[in-house]
C-alpha atoms as a PDB file:
ATOM      1  CA  UNK A   1      -5.042 -22.835  41.513  1.00  0.00           C
ATOM      2  CA  UNK A   2      -6.485 -25.974  39.964  1.00  0.00           C
ATOM      3  CA  UNK A   3      -6.649 -29.158  42.060  1.00  0.00           C
ATOM      4  CA  UNK A   4      -8.992 -31.044  44.285  1.00  0.00           C
ATOM      5  CA  UNK A   5      -9.768 -27.790  46.020  1.00  0.00           C
ATOM      6  CA  UNK A   6      -9.595 -24.604  43.994  1.00  0.00           C
ATOM      7  CA  UNK A   7      -8.707 -21.227  45.388  1.00  0.00           C
ATOM      8  CA  UNK A   8      -7.936 -17.852  43.918  1.00  0.00           C
ATOM      9  CA  UNK A   9      -4.677 -16.012  44.597  1.00  0.00           C
ATOM     10  CA  UNK A  10      -3.572 -12.610  43.355  1.00  0.00           C
ATOM     11  CA  UNK A  11      -0.061 -11.884  42.094  1.00  0.00           C
ATOM     12  CA  UNK A  12       1.650  -8.934  40.473  1.00  0.00           C
ATOM     13  CA  UNK A  13       3.381 -11.108  37.846  1.00  0.00           C
ATOM     14  CA  UNK A  14       3.496 -14.682  36.556  1.00  0.00           C
ATOM     15  CA  UNK A  15       6.690 -16.258  35.208  1.00  0.00           C
ATOM     16  CA  UNK A  16       6.034 -18.849  32.508  1.00  0.00           C
ATOM     17  CA  UNK A  17       9.012 -21.229  32.273  1.00  0.00           C
ATOM     18  CA  UNK A  18       7.618 -23.836  29.890  1.00  0.00           C
ATOM     19  CA  UNK A  19      10.005 -23.072  27.015  1.00  0.00           C
ATOM     20  CA  UNK A  20       9.512 -21.383  23.653  1.00  0.00           C
ATOM     21  CA  UNK A  21      11.009 -24.011  21.292  1.00  0.00           C
ATOM     22  CA  UNK A  22       7.676 -25.343  20.109  1.00  0.00           C
ATOM     23  CA  UNK A  23       6.529 -23.385  17.047  1.00  0.00           C
ATOM     24  CA  UNK A  24       9.309 -23.078  14.405  1.00  0.00           C
ATOM     25  CA  UNK A  25       9.815 -19.685  12.788  1.00  0.00           C
ATOM     26  CA  UNK A  26       9.450 -21.210   9.344  1.00  0.00           C
ATOM     27  CA  UNK A  27       9.262 -19.871   6.783  1.00  0.00           C
ATOM     28  CA  UNK A  28      10.701 -16.699   8.331  1.00  0.00           C
ATOM     29  CA  UNK A  29       9.664 -13.219   7.258  1.00  0.00           C
ATOM     30  CA  UNK A  30      11.073 -12.039   3.901  1.00  0.00           C
ATOM     31  CA  UNK A  31      12.145 -15.602   3.070  1.00  0.00           C
ATOM     32  CA  UNK A  32      11.545 -16.615  -0.561  1.00  0.00           C
ATOM     33  CA  UNK A  33       9.024 -19.323  -1.299  1.00  0.00           C
ATOM     34  CA  UNK A  34      10.030 -22.279  -3.506  1.00  0.00           C
ATOM     35  CA  UNK A  35       8.205 -22.324  -6.825  1.00  0.00           C
ATOM     36  CA  UNK A  36       6.090 -25.225  -8.028  1.00  0.00           C
ATOM     37  CA  UNK A  37       8.318 -27.979  -9.329  1.00  0.00           C
ATOM     38  CA  UNK A  38      11.194 -27.245  -6.956  1.00  0.00           C
ATOM     39  CA  UNK A  39      12.287 -30.742  -5.905  1.00  0.00           C
ATOM     40  CA  UNK A  40      15.063 -30.025  -3.397  1.00  0.00           C
ATOM     41  CA  UNK A  41      13.983 -30.300   0.230  1.00  0.00           C
ATOM     42  CA  UNK A  42      13.427 -27.056   2.157  1.00  0.00           C
ATOM     43  CA  UNK A  43      13.106 -27.838   5.854  1.00  0.00           C
ATOM     44  CA  UNK A  44      13.446 -26.322   9.311  1.00  0.00           C
ATOM     45  CA  UNK A  45      16.233 -27.655  11.510  1.00  0.00           C
ATOM     46  CA  UNK A  46      13.603 -29.110  13.845  1.00  0.00           C
ATOM     47  CA  UNK A  47      12.861 -31.825  11.266  1.00  0.00           C
ATOM     48  CA  UNK A  48      16.432 -33.182  11.297  1.00  0.00           C
ATOM     49  CA  UNK A  49      16.350 -35.719  14.092  1.00  0.00           C
ATOM     50  CA  UNK A  50      19.362 -37.603  12.676  1.00  0.00           C
ATOM     51  CA  UNK A  51      21.250 -34.887  10.832  1.00  0.00           C
ATOM     52  CA  UNK A  52      24.354 -36.905   9.923  1.00  0.00           C
ATOM     53  CA  UNK A  53      22.436 -39.620   8.122  1.00  0.00           C
ATOM     54  CA  UNK A  54      19.974 -37.215   6.493  1.00  0.00           C
ATOM     55  CA  UNK A  55      22.724 -34.905   5.191  1.00  0.00           C
ATOM     56  CA  UNK A  56      25.307 -37.528   4.243  1.00  0.00           C
ATOM     57  CA  UNK A  57      26.463 -37.066   0.653  1.00  0.00           C
ATOM     58  CA  UNK A  58      23.955 -34.265  -0.001  1.00  0.00           C
ATOM     59  CA  UNK A  59      24.551 -30.797  -1.469  1.00  0.00           C
ATOM     60  CA  UNK A  60      23.539 -28.620   1.469  1.00  0.00           C
ATOM     61  CA  UNK A  61      22.761 -25.004   2.290  1.00  0.00           C
ATOM     62  CA  UNK A  62      22.461 -24.137   5.989  1.00  0.00           C
ATOM     63  CA  UNK A  63      20.743 -20.815   6.689  1.00  0.00           C
ATOM     64  CA  UNK A  64      21.455 -19.052   9.988  1.00  0.00           C
ATOM     65  CA  UNK A  65      24.331 -18.425  12.370  1.00  0.00           C
ATOM     66  CA  UNK A  66      22.950 -19.287  15.796  1.00  0.00           C
ATOM     67  CA  UNK A  67      23.897 -22.349  17.839  1.00  0.00           C
ATOM     68  CA  UNK A  68      21.874 -24.727  15.673  1.00  0.00           C
ATOM     69  CA  UNK A  69      23.059 -23.152  12.422  1.00  0.00           C
ATOM     70  CA  UNK A  70      26.703 -23.352  13.499  1.00  0.00           C
ATOM     71  CA  UNK A  71      26.418 -26.996  14.550  1.00  0.00           C
ATOM     72  CA  UNK A  72      24.556 -28.087  11.421  1.00  0.00           C
ATOM     73  CA  UNK A  73      27.034 -26.179   9.229  1.00  0.00           C
ATOM     74  CA  UNK A  74      29.794 -28.242  10.835  1.00  0.00           C
ATOM     75  CA  UNK A  75      27.887 -31.488  10.238  1.00  0.00           C
ATOM     76  CA  UNK A  76      27.224 -30.469   6.630  1.00  0.00           C
ATOM     77  CA  UNK A  77      30.915 -29.756   6.096  1.00  0.00           C
ATOM     78  CA  UNK A  78      31.851 -33.130   7.563  1.00  0.00           C
ATOM     79  CA  UNK A  79      29.386 -35.494   5.878  1.00  0.00           C
ATOM     80  CA  UNK A  80      27.872 -33.513   2.980  1.00  0.00           C
ATOM     81  CA  UNK A  81      29.078 -33.036  -0.567  1.00  0.00           C
ATOM     82  CA  UNK A  82      32.061 -30.651  -0.515  1.00  0.00           C
ATOM     83  CA  UNK A  83      31.824 -27.779  -0.147  1.00  0.00           C
ATOM     84  CA  UNK A  84      28.704 -27.318   1.936  1.00  0.00           C
ATOM     85  CA  UNK A  85      27.278 -23.787   2.007  1.00  0.00           C
ATOM     86  CA  UNK A  86      26.347 -21.599   4.963  1.00  0.00           C
ATOM     87  CA  UNK A  87      24.088 -18.644   4.110  1.00  0.00           C
ATOM     88  CA  UNK A  88      24.324 -15.572   6.357  1.00  0.00           C
ATOM     89  CA  UNK A  89      22.573 -12.241   5.803  1.00  0.00           C
ATOM     90  CA  UNK A  90      25.168 -10.705   8.120  1.00  0.00           C
ATOM     91  CA  UNK A  91      28.107 -11.885  10.181  1.00  0.00           C
ATOM     92  CA  UNK A  92      28.099 -13.403  13.655  1.00  0.00           C
ATOM     93  CA  UNK A  93      30.098 -13.430  16.870  1.00  0.00           C
ATOM     94  CA  UNK A  94      31.691 -16.756  17.819  1.00  0.00           C
ATOM     95  CA  UNK A  95      33.252 -17.196  21.254  1.00  0.00           C
ATOM     96  CA  UNK A  96      33.935 -20.961  21.231  1.00  0.00           C
ATOM     97  CA  UNK A  97      33.077 -23.497  23.946  1.00  0.00           C
ATOM     98  CA  UNK A  98      36.321 -23.467  25.931  1.00  0.00           C
ATOM     99  CA  UNK A  99      39.029 -21.064  27.006  1.00  0.00           C
ATOM    100  CA  UNK A 100      41.881 -20.652  26.016  1.00  0.00           C
ATOM    101  CA  UNK A 101      41.562 -20.326  22.268  1.00  0.00           C
ATOM    102  CA  UNK A 102      41.963 -23.484  20.172  1.00  0.00           C
ATOM    103  CA  UNK A 103      45.267 -23.930  18.341  1.00  0.00           C
ATOM    104  CA  UNK A 104      46.938 -21.944  21.137  1.00  0.00           C
ATOM    105  CA  UNK A 105      50.130 -23.027  22.825  1.00  0.00           C
ATOM    106  CA  UNK A 106      48.165 -24.370  25.788  1.00  0.00           C
ATOM    107  CA  UNK A 107      45.730 -27.025  24.624  1.00  0.00           C
ATOM    108  CA  UNK A 108      42.515 -27.233  26.681  1.00  0.00           C
ATOM    109  CA  UNK A 109      42.566 -30.054  29.222  1.00  0.00           C
ATOM    110  CA  UNK A 110      40.259 -31.609  31.786  1.00  0.00           C
ATOM    111  CA  UNK A 111      40.662 -28.570  34.037  1.00  0.00           C
ATOM    112  CA  UNK A 112      39.589 -26.134  31.324  1.00  0.00           C
ATOM    113  CA  UNK A 113      36.291 -24.413  32.197  1.00  0.00           C
ATOM    114  CA  UNK A 114      33.578 -23.917  29.569  1.00  0.00           C
ATOM    115  CA  UNK A 115      33.606 -20.387  28.226  1.00  0.00           C
ATOM    116  CA  UNK A 116      29.978 -19.797  29.147  1.00  0.00           C
ATOM    117  CA  UNK A 117      31.031 -19.693  32.796  1.00  0.00           C
ATOM    118  CA  UNK A 118      31.954 -16.096  31.985  1.00  0.00           C
ATOM    119  CA  UNK A 119      28.429 -15.324  30.744  1.00  0.00           C
ATOM    120  CA  UNK A 120      27.189 -14.418  34.163  1.00  0.00           C
ATOM    121  CA  UNK A 121      24.300 -12.173  34.932  1.00  0.00           C
ATOM    122  CA  UNK A 122      26.573  -9.484  36.361  1.00  0.00           C
ATOM    123  CA  UNK A 123      28.196  -9.077  32.919  1.00  0.00           C
ATOM    124  CA  UNK A 124      24.816  -8.744  31.240  1.00  0.00           C
ATOM    125  CA  UNK A 125      24.078  -5.800  33.528  1.00  0.00           C
ATOM    126  CA  UNK A 126      27.168  -3.882  32.416  1.00  0.00           C
ATOM    127  CA  UNK A 127      26.677  -1.067  29.882  1.00  0.00           C
ATOM    128  CA  UNK A 128      27.823  -1.812  26.317  1.00  0.00           C
ATOM    129  CA  UNK A 129      30.729   0.681  26.327  1.00  0.00           C
ATOM    130  CA  UNK A 130      32.217  -0.946  29.436  1.00  0.00           C
ATOM    131  CA  UNK A 131      31.871  -4.464  28.021  1.00  0.00           C
ATOM    132  CA  UNK A 132      33.465  -3.324  24.777  1.00  0.00           C
ATOM    133  CA  UNK A 133      36.374  -1.885  26.781  1.00  0.00           C
ATOM    134  CA  UNK A 134      36.834  -5.171  28.644  1.00  0.00           C
ATOM    135  CA  UNK A 135      36.619  -7.562  25.691  1.00  0.00           C
ATOM    136  CA  UNK A 136      38.048  -5.612  22.746  1.00  0.00           C
ATOM    137  CA  UNK A 137      41.012  -3.822  24.294  1.00  0.00           C
ATOM    138  CA  UNK A 138      43.682  -4.901  21.810  1.00  0.00           C
ATOM    139  CA  UNK A 139      44.181  -7.114  18.797  1.00  0.00           C
ATOM    140  CA  UNK A 140      45.298 -10.024  21.005  1.00  0.00           C
ATOM    141  CA  UNK A 141      42.044  -9.911  22.927  1.00  0.00           C
ATOM    142  CA  UNK A 142      39.779 -12.923  22.690  1.00  0.00           C
ATOM    143  CA  UNK A 143      37.024 -10.878  20.985  1.00  0.00           C
ATOM    144  CA  UNK A 144      39.248  -8.356  19.218  1.00  0.00           C
ATOM    145  CA  UNK A 145      38.519  -7.253  15.674  1.00  0.00           C
ATOM    146  CA  UNK A 146      41.213  -7.349  13.014  1.00  0.00           C
ATOM    147  CA  UNK A 147      43.563  -4.462  12.275  1.00  0.00           C
ATOM    148  CA  UNK A 148      41.629  -3.791   9.066  1.00  0.00           C
ATOM    149  CA  UNK A 149      38.614  -2.718  11.116  1.00  0.00           C
ATOM    150  CA  UNK A 150      38.357   1.107  11.180  1.00  0.00           C
ATOM    151  CA  UNK A 151      37.844   1.115  14.939  1.00  0.00           C
ATOM    152  CA  UNK A 152      41.367  -0.209  15.378  1.00  0.00           C
ATOM    153  CA  UNK A 153      42.875   3.097  14.291  1.00  0.00           C
ATOM    154  CA  UNK A 154      40.791   5.575  16.302  1.00  0.00           C
ATOM    155  CA  UNK A 155      42.033   8.062  18.903  1.00  0.00           C
ATOM    156  CA  UNK A 156      40.050   6.287  21.606  1.00  0.00           C
ATOM    157  CA  UNK A 157      41.706   2.980  20.770  1.00  0.00           C
ATOM    158  CA  UNK A 158      45.165   4.586  20.830  1.00  0.00           C
ATOM    159  CA  UNK A 159      44.530   6.141  24.240  1.00  0.00           C
ATOM    160  CA  UNK A 160      43.282   2.779  25.485  1.00  0.00           C
ATOM    161  CA  UNK A 161      46.474   1.069  24.300  1.00  0.00           C
ATOM    162  CA  UNK A 162      48.635   3.715  25.961  1.00  0.00           C
ATOM    163  CA  UNK A 163      46.691   3.415  29.235  1.00  0.00           C
ATOM    164  CA  UNK A 164      47.077  -0.376  29.123  1.00  0.00           C
ATOM    165  CA  UNK A 165      50.834  -0.084  28.542  1.00  0.00           C
ATOM    166  CA  UNK A 166      51.246   2.357  31.432  1.00  0.00           C
ATOM    167  CA  UNK A 167      49.284   0.046  33.700  1.00  0.00           C
ATOM    168  CA  UNK A 168      51.568  -2.837  32.726  1.00  0.00           C
ATOM    169  CA  UNK A 169      54.654  -0.743  33.582  1.00  0.00           C
ATOM    170  CA  UNK A 170      53.266  -0.304  37.087  1.00  0.00           C
ATOM    171  CA  UNK A 171      52.073  -3.864  37.710  1.00  0.00           C
ATOM    172  CA  UNK A 172      54.723  -6.011  35.993  1.00  0.00           C
ATOM    173  CA  UNK A 173      57.660  -4.959  38.251  1.00  0.00           C
ATOM    174  CA  UNK A 174      55.749  -6.182  41.300  1.00  0.00           C
ATOM    175  CA  UNK A 175      55.329  -9.611  39.677  1.00  0.00           C
ATOM    176  CA  UNK A 176      59.037  -9.728  38.797  1.00  0.00           C
ATOM    177  CA  UNK A 177      60.149  -8.753  42.299  1.00  0.00           C
ATOM    178  CA  UNK A 178      57.743 -11.260  43.755  1.00  0.00           C
ATOM    179  CA  UNK A 179      59.216 -14.089  41.660  1.00  0.00           C
ATOM    180  CA  UNK A 180      62.773 -13.036  42.553  1.00  0.00           C
ATOM    181  CA  UNK A 181      61.915 -12.919  46.257  1.00  0.00           C
ATOM    182  CA  UNK A 182      60.365 -16.385  46.036  1.00  0.00           C
ATOM    183  CA  UNK A 183      63.516 -17.804  44.377  1.00  0.00           C
ATOM    184  CA  UNK A 184      65.795 -16.196  46.984  1.00  0.00           C
ATOM    185  CA  UNK A 185      63.678 -17.540  49.838  1.00  0.00           C
ATOM    186  CA  UNK A 186      63.662 -21.028  48.276  1.00  0.00           C
ATOM    187  CA  UNK A 187      67.470 -21.083  47.987  1.00  0.00           C
ATOM    188  CA  UNK A 188      68.112 -19.699  51.464  1.00  0.00           C
ATOM    189  CA  UNK A 189      65.820 -22.244  53.095  1.00  0.00           C
ATOM    190  CA  UNK A 190      67.317 -25.233  51.245  1.00  0.00           C
ATOM    191  CA  UNK A 191      69.229 -27.466  53.732  1.00  0.00           C
ATOM    192  CA  UNK A 192      72.250 -27.794  51.416  1.00  0.00           C
ATOM    193  CA  UNK A 193      72.591 -24.073  50.614  1.00  0.00           C
ATOM    194  CA  UNK A 194      74.982 -23.273  53.478  1.00  0.00           C
ATOM    195  CA  UNK A 195      77.265 -26.305  52.963  1.00  0.00           C
ATOM    196  CA  UNK A 196      80.713 -25.512  51.612  1.00  0.00           C
ATOM    197  CA  UNK A 197      81.692 -29.044  50.616  1.00  0.00           C
ATOM    198  CA  UNK A 198      81.012 -30.059  47.027  1.00  0.00           C
ATOM    199  CA  UNK A 199      78.198 -32.576  46.814  1.00  0.00           C
ATOM    200  CA  UNK A 200      79.187 -35.942  45.402  1.00  0.00           C
ATOM    201  CA  UNK A 201      77.062 -38.018  43.057  1.00  0.00           C
ATOM    202  CA  UNK A 202      74.625 -40.343  44.759  1.00  0.00           C
ATOM    203  CA  UNK A 203      75.334 -44.011  44.837  1.00  0.00           C
ATOM    204  CA  UNK A 204      73.271 -46.148  42.416  1.00  0.00           C
ATOM    205  CA  UNK A 205      70.099 -47.341  44.089  1.00  0.00           C
ATOM    206  CA  UNK A 206      67.424 -48.781  41.795  1.00  0.00           C
ATOM    207  CA  UNK A 207      64.441 -48.875  44.179  1.00  0.00           C
ATOM    208  CA  UNK A 208      65.119 -45.380  45.528  1.00  0.00           C
ATOM    209  CA  UNK A 209      65.603 -43.959  42.037  1.00  0.00           C
ATOM    210  CA  UNK A 210      62.378 -45.591  40.851  1.00  0.00           C
ATOM    211  CA  UNK A 211      60.481 -44.155  43.807  1.00  0.00           C
ATOM    212  CA  UNK A 212      61.787 -40.607  43.295  1.00  0.00           C
ATOM    213  CA  UNK A 213      61.229 -40.809  39.537  1.00  0.00           C
ATOM    214  CA  UNK A 214      57.612 -41.752  40.138  1.00  0.00           C
ATOM    215  CA  UNK A 215      57.165 -38.780  42.455  1.00  0.00           C
ATOM    216  CA  UNK A 216      58.871 -36.414  40.015  1.00  0.00           C
ATOM    217  CA  UNK A 217      56.632 -37.414  37.078  1.00  0.00           C
ATOM    218  CA  UNK A 218      53.324 -37.734  38.919  1.00  0.00           C
ATOM    219  CA  UNK A 219      50.529 -35.374  37.908  1.00  0.00           C
ATOM    220  CA  UNK A 220      48.817 -33.232  40.521  1.00  0.00           C
ATOM    221  CA  UNK A 221      45.612 -34.745  41.795  1.00  0.00           C
ATOM    222  CA  UNK A 222      42.447 -33.094  40.475  1.00  0.00           C
ATOM    223  CA  UNK A 223      39.381 -32.339  42.588  1.00  0.00           C
ATOM    224  CA  UNK A 224      36.846 -35.187  42.553  1.00  0.00           C
ATOM    225  CA  UNK A 225      34.244 -33.008  40.793  1.00  0.00           C
ATOM    226  CA  UNK A 226      36.581 -32.476  37.852  1.00  0.00           C
ATOM    227  CA  UNK A 227      37.275 -36.205  37.551  1.00  0.00           C
ATOM    228  CA  UNK A 228      33.567 -36.970  37.409  1.00  0.00           C
ATOM    229  CA  UNK A 229      32.966 -34.538  34.556  1.00  0.00           C
ATOM    230  CA  UNK A 230      32.283 -36.002  31.123  1.00  0.00           C
ATOM    231  CA  UNK A 231      35.264 -34.917  29.025  1.00  0.00           C
ATOM    232  CA  UNK A 232      34.452 -36.773  25.798  1.00  0.00           C
ATOM    233  CA  UNK A 233      33.522 -33.555  23.982  1.00  0.00           C
ATOM    234  CA  UNK A 234      36.642 -31.832  25.328  1.00  0.00           C
ATOM    235  CA  UNK A 235      38.875 -34.661  24.077  1.00  0.00           C
ATOM    236  CA  UNK A 236      37.311 -34.431  20.611  1.00  0.00           C
ATOM    237  CA  UNK A 237      37.758 -30.661  20.640  1.00  0.00           C
ATOM    238  CA  UNK A 238      41.436 -31.048  21.601  1.00  0.00           C
ATOM    239  CA  UNK A 239      42.041 -33.766  19.002  1.00  0.00           C
ATOM    240  CA  UNK A 240      40.665 -31.612  16.188  1.00  0.00           C
ATOM    241  CA  UNK A 241      42.656 -28.567  17.313  1.00  0.00           C
ATOM    242  CA  UNK A 242      45.823 -30.654  17.476  1.00  0.00           C
ATOM    243  CA  UNK A 243      45.302 -32.026  13.954  1.00  0.00           C
ATOM    244  CA  UNK A 244      44.866 -28.520  12.547  1.00  0.00           C
ATOM    245  CA  UNK A 245      47.938 -27.377  14.451  1.00  0.00           C
ATOM    246  CA  UNK A 246      49.936 -30.156  12.773  1.00  0.00           C
ATOM    247  CA  UNK A 247      48.714 -28.934   9.368  1.00  0.00           C
ATOM    248  CA  UNK A 248      50.317 -25.551  10.034  1.00  0.00           C
ATOM    249  CA  UNK A 249      47.293 -23.599  11.271  1.00  0.00           C
ATOM    250  CA  UNK A 250      47.722 -21.362  14.311  1.00  0.00           C
ATOM    251  CA  UNK A 251      45.568 -19.263  16.584  1.00  0.00           C
ATOM    252  CA  UNK A 252      46.078 -16.389  14.148  1.00  0.00           C
ATOM    253  CA  UNK A 253      44.198 -18.235  11.367  1.00  0.00           C
ATOM    254  CA  UNK A 254      41.359 -19.071  13.745  1.00  0.00           C
ATOM    255  CA  UNK A 255      41.123 -15.452  14.948  1.00  0.00           C
ATOM    256  CA  UNK A 256      41.155 -14.111  11.395  1.00  0.00           C
ATOM    257  CA  UNK A 257      38.134 -16.222  10.415  1.00  0.00           C
ATOM    258  CA  UNK A 258      36.267 -15.364  13.585  1.00  0.00           C
ATOM    259  CA  UNK A 259      37.103 -11.675  13.339  1.00  0.00           C
ATOM    260  CA  UNK A 260      35.874 -11.525   9.739  1.00  0.00           C
ATOM    261  CA  UNK A 261      32.570 -13.050  10.818  1.00  0.00           C
ATOM    262  CA  UNK A 262      32.230 -10.388  13.505  1.00  0.00           C
ATOM    263  CA  UNK A 263      33.210  -7.510  11.230  1.00  0.00           C
ATOM    264  CA  UNK A 264      30.489  -8.382   8.741  1.00  0.00           C
ATOM    265  CA  UNK A 265      27.895  -8.533  11.520  1.00  0.00           C
ATOM    266  CA  UNK A 266      27.927  -4.742  11.575  1.00  0.00           C
ATOM    267  CA  UNK A 267      28.007  -4.616  15.376  1.00  0.00           C
ATOM    268  CA  UNK A 268      30.325  -5.189  18.284  1.00  0.00           C
ATOM    269  CA  UNK A 269      30.256  -8.581  19.933  1.00  0.00           C
ATOM    270  CA  UNK A 270      28.306  -7.349  22.964  1.00  0.00           C
ATOM    271  CA  UNK A 271      25.401  -6.447  20.677  1.00  0.00           C
ATOM    272  CA  UNK A 272      25.313  -9.846  18.971  1.00  0.00           C
ATOM    273  CA  UNK A 273      24.152 -13.271  20.007  1.00  0.00           C
ATOM    274  CA  UNK A 274      27.281 -15.087  21.215  1.00  0.00           C
ATOM    275  CA  UNK A 275      27.576 -18.395  19.367  1.00  0.00           C
ATOM    276  CA  UNK A 276      29.525 -20.940  21.407  1.00  0.00           C
ATOM    277  CA  UNK A 277      29.660 -23.649  18.723  1.00  0.00           C
ATOM    278  CA  UNK A 278      32.851 -22.988  16.763  1.00  0.00           C
ATOM    279  CA  UNK A 279      33.357 -26.363  15.012  1.00  0.00           C
ATOM    280  CA  UNK A 280      32.291 -24.887  11.683  1.00  0.00           C
ATOM    281  CA  UNK A 281      35.281 -22.509  11.749  1.00  0.00           C
ATOM    282  CA  UNK A 282      37.539 -25.510  11.183  1.00  0.00           C
ATOM    283  CA  UNK A 283      35.431 -26.420   8.156  1.00  0.00           C
ATOM    284  CA  UNK A 284      35.845 -22.891   6.819  1.00  0.00           C
ATOM    285  CA  UNK A 285      39.598 -23.203   7.309  1.00  0.00           C
ATOM    286  CA  UNK A 286      39.899 -26.457   5.344  1.00  0.00           C
ATOM    287  CA  UNK A 287      37.330 -25.257   2.737  1.00  0.00           C
ATOM    288  CA  UNK A 288      34.836 -28.058   3.324  1.00  0.00           C
ATOM    289  CA  UNK A 289      32.382 -25.236   4.119  1.00  0.00           C
ATOM    290  CA  UNK A 290      31.934 -21.936   2.289  1.00  0.00           C
ATOM    291  CA  UNK A 291      29.978 -18.811   3.167  1.00  0.00           C
ATOM    292  CA  UNK A 292      27.271 -17.249   1.032  1.00  0.00           C
ATOM    293  CA  UNK A 293      24.956 -14.245   1.597  1.00  0.00           C
ATOM    294  CA  UNK A 294      21.261 -14.710   2.259  1.00  0.00           C
ATOM    295  CA  UNK A 295      18.991 -16.651  -0.079  1.00  0.00           C
ATOM    296  CA  UNK A 296      17.214 -14.419  -2.597  1.00  0.00           C
ATOM    297  CA  UNK A 297      15.130 -17.067  -4.365  1.00  0.00           C
ATOM    298  CA  UNK A 298      14.855 -20.454  -6.021  1.00  0.00           C
ATOM    299  CA  UNK A 299      15.079 -21.474  -9.679  1.00  0.00           C
ATOM    300  CA  UNK A 300      14.268 -24.614 -11.608  1.00  0.00           C
ATOM    301  CA  UNK A 301      14.142 -27.863  -9.691  1.00  0.00           C
ATOM    302  CA  UNK A 302      17.105 -27.516  -7.337  1.00  0.00           C
ATOM    303  CA  UNK A 303      18.900 -24.171  -7.827  1.00  0.00           C
ATOM    304  CA  UNK A 304      19.279 -21.640  -5.011  1.00  0.00           C
ATOM    305  CA  UNK A 305      19.928 -17.981  -5.888  1.00  0.00           C
ATOM    306  CA  UNK A 306      21.842 -15.921  -3.327  1.00  0.00           C
ATOM    307  CA  UNK A 307      21.691 -12.178  -2.739  1.00  0.00           C
ATOM    308  CA  UNK A 308      24.986 -11.579  -4.551  1.00  0.00           C
ATOM    309  CA  UNK A 309      23.601 -13.222  -7.702  1.00  0.00           C
ATOM    310  CA  UNK A 310      25.548 -16.477  -7.324  1.00  0.00           C
ATOM    311  CA  UNK A 311      23.780 -19.788  -7.760  1.00  0.00           C
ATOM    312  CA  UNK A 312      24.207 -23.319  -6.488  1.00  0.00           C
ATOM    313  CA  UNK A 313      22.509 -26.616  -7.202  1.00  0.00           C
ATOM    314  CA  UNK A 314      21.548 -28.246  -3.948  1.00  0.00           C
ATOM    315  CA  UNK A 315      19.658 -31.210  -2.526  1.00  0.00           C
ATOM    316  CA  UNK A 316      18.457 -29.722   0.754  1.00  0.00           C
ATOM    317  CA  UNK A 317      18.089 -26.276   2.368  1.00  0.00           C
ATOM    318  CA  UNK A 318      18.055 -26.262   6.180  1.00  0.00           C
ATOM    319  CA  UNK A 319      16.623 -23.128   7.776  1.00  0.00           C
ATOM    320  CA  UNK A 320      18.016 -22.587  11.289  1.00  0.00           C
ATOM    321  CA  UNK A 321      15.834 -19.594  12.070  1.00  0.00           C
ATOM    322  CA  UNK A 322      14.731 -20.405  15.591  1.00  0.00           C
ATOM    323  CA  UNK A 323      11.235 -20.466  17.004  1.00  0.00           C
ATOM    324  CA  UNK A 324       8.345 -18.081  17.438  1.00  0.00           C
ATOM    325  CA  UNK A 325       7.773 -16.820  21.009  1.00  0.00           C
ATOM    326  CA  UNK A 326       4.357 -18.409  21.387  1.00  0.00           C
ATOM    327  CA  UNK A 327       2.788 -19.813  24.524  1.00  0.00           C
ATOM    328  CA  UNK A 328      -0.537 -21.251  23.294  1.00  0.00           C
ATOM    329  CA  UNK A 329      -2.185 -21.822  26.657  1.00  0.00           C
ATOM    330  CA  UNK A 330      -1.853 -18.132  27.547  1.00  0.00           C
ATOM    331  CA  UNK A 331      -4.664 -17.354  25.100  1.00  0.00           C
ATOM    332  CA  UNK A 332      -7.072 -19.123  27.442  1.00  0.00           C
ATOM    333  CA  UNK A 333      -5.694 -17.471  30.569  1.00  0.00           C
ATOM    334  CA  UNK A 334      -5.410 -13.949  29.169  1.00  0.00           C
ATOM    335  CA  UNK A 335      -8.247 -14.037  26.698  1.00  0.00           C
ATOM    336  CA  UNK A 336      -5.964 -13.204  23.763  1.00  0.00           C
ATOM    337  CA  UNK A 337      -6.326 -14.582  20.274  1.00  0.00           C
ATOM    338  CA  UNK A 338      -3.518 -16.484  18.601  1.00  0.00           C
ATOM    339  CA  UNK A 339      -1.780 -17.736  21.726  1.00  0.00           C
ATOM    340  CA  UNK A 340       1.076 -15.304  21.244  1.00  0.00           C
ATOM    341  CA  UNK A 341       2.827 -13.152  23.782  1.00  0.00           C
ATOM    342  CA  UNK A 342       0.847  -9.952  23.309  1.00  0.00           C
ATOM    343  CA  UNK A 343       0.625  -8.066  26.583  1.00  0.00           C
ATOM    344  CA  UNK A 344       3.446 -10.119  28.042  1.00  0.00           C
ATOM    345  CA  UNK A 345       7.191  -9.800  28.197  1.00  0.00           C
END
């Protein structure tokens, strides 16, 4: 341990918590290299310190579907030349930042918890089959795939639906009887229930009416912690969802887009990185953003060639391909060349 007085201690393991977002993974493996004379900018997302101003009015291709790729795709769809392009070699799993789903009947409010509260360590310890059973039980599930997915029509899925229906038949009657019992108890304990005389209308009384009206329309008080939370992002999220709802979009449209992204990922959601930034889905819905496959190469001065053979003239390509897991100072401690993570985990 370095300091005024040095001493040597022995440990079985060392946890390095200094972060890995230092060395960009750029250009990534198998990525094409721009030819000489290619004038459009090809950058890593790390270089965009002020993305809105840099991308404003530009023809943009965003490569990658992680958190950064999803957020920059949204920015490109908002401020770039329409439509902006998002290049994905495969699909992705989007869970959104809040629960319930946007465009649902219940709009998220200040009491709505972030969805990543459900990403607890105990869930990460569950086996994949169990997590798939929990999150993809039916087509109304938050992570459910569309009916067109072959897994929707399997024997296992049918048995799961039948088991869920039988469970509902057992549980629902208890909820119904509980609600009925609560209503009966409320009526029996009301002071006017046992009176036989017909109640007359109350005499006009402005102050009393104003007082009772205020009590009847008052909102329940929220815990102090909730009131102190910064809800600016939540308000913006709700405003955008409300605008799309007024245009005729529903939760079904949102789920269709998200389910398509997951189907083309080639894996269930528990085997994918869960992207919480879902703003770009709105851009896909209003066609200010379009999807393309991966980039196959570059042509001329500003033409990008995609894997399906399509082409697009662009001004800037933003690679959102993450960072290399390098911890440079470990090379001195471990005696390894390159400062990588060889021999570590």
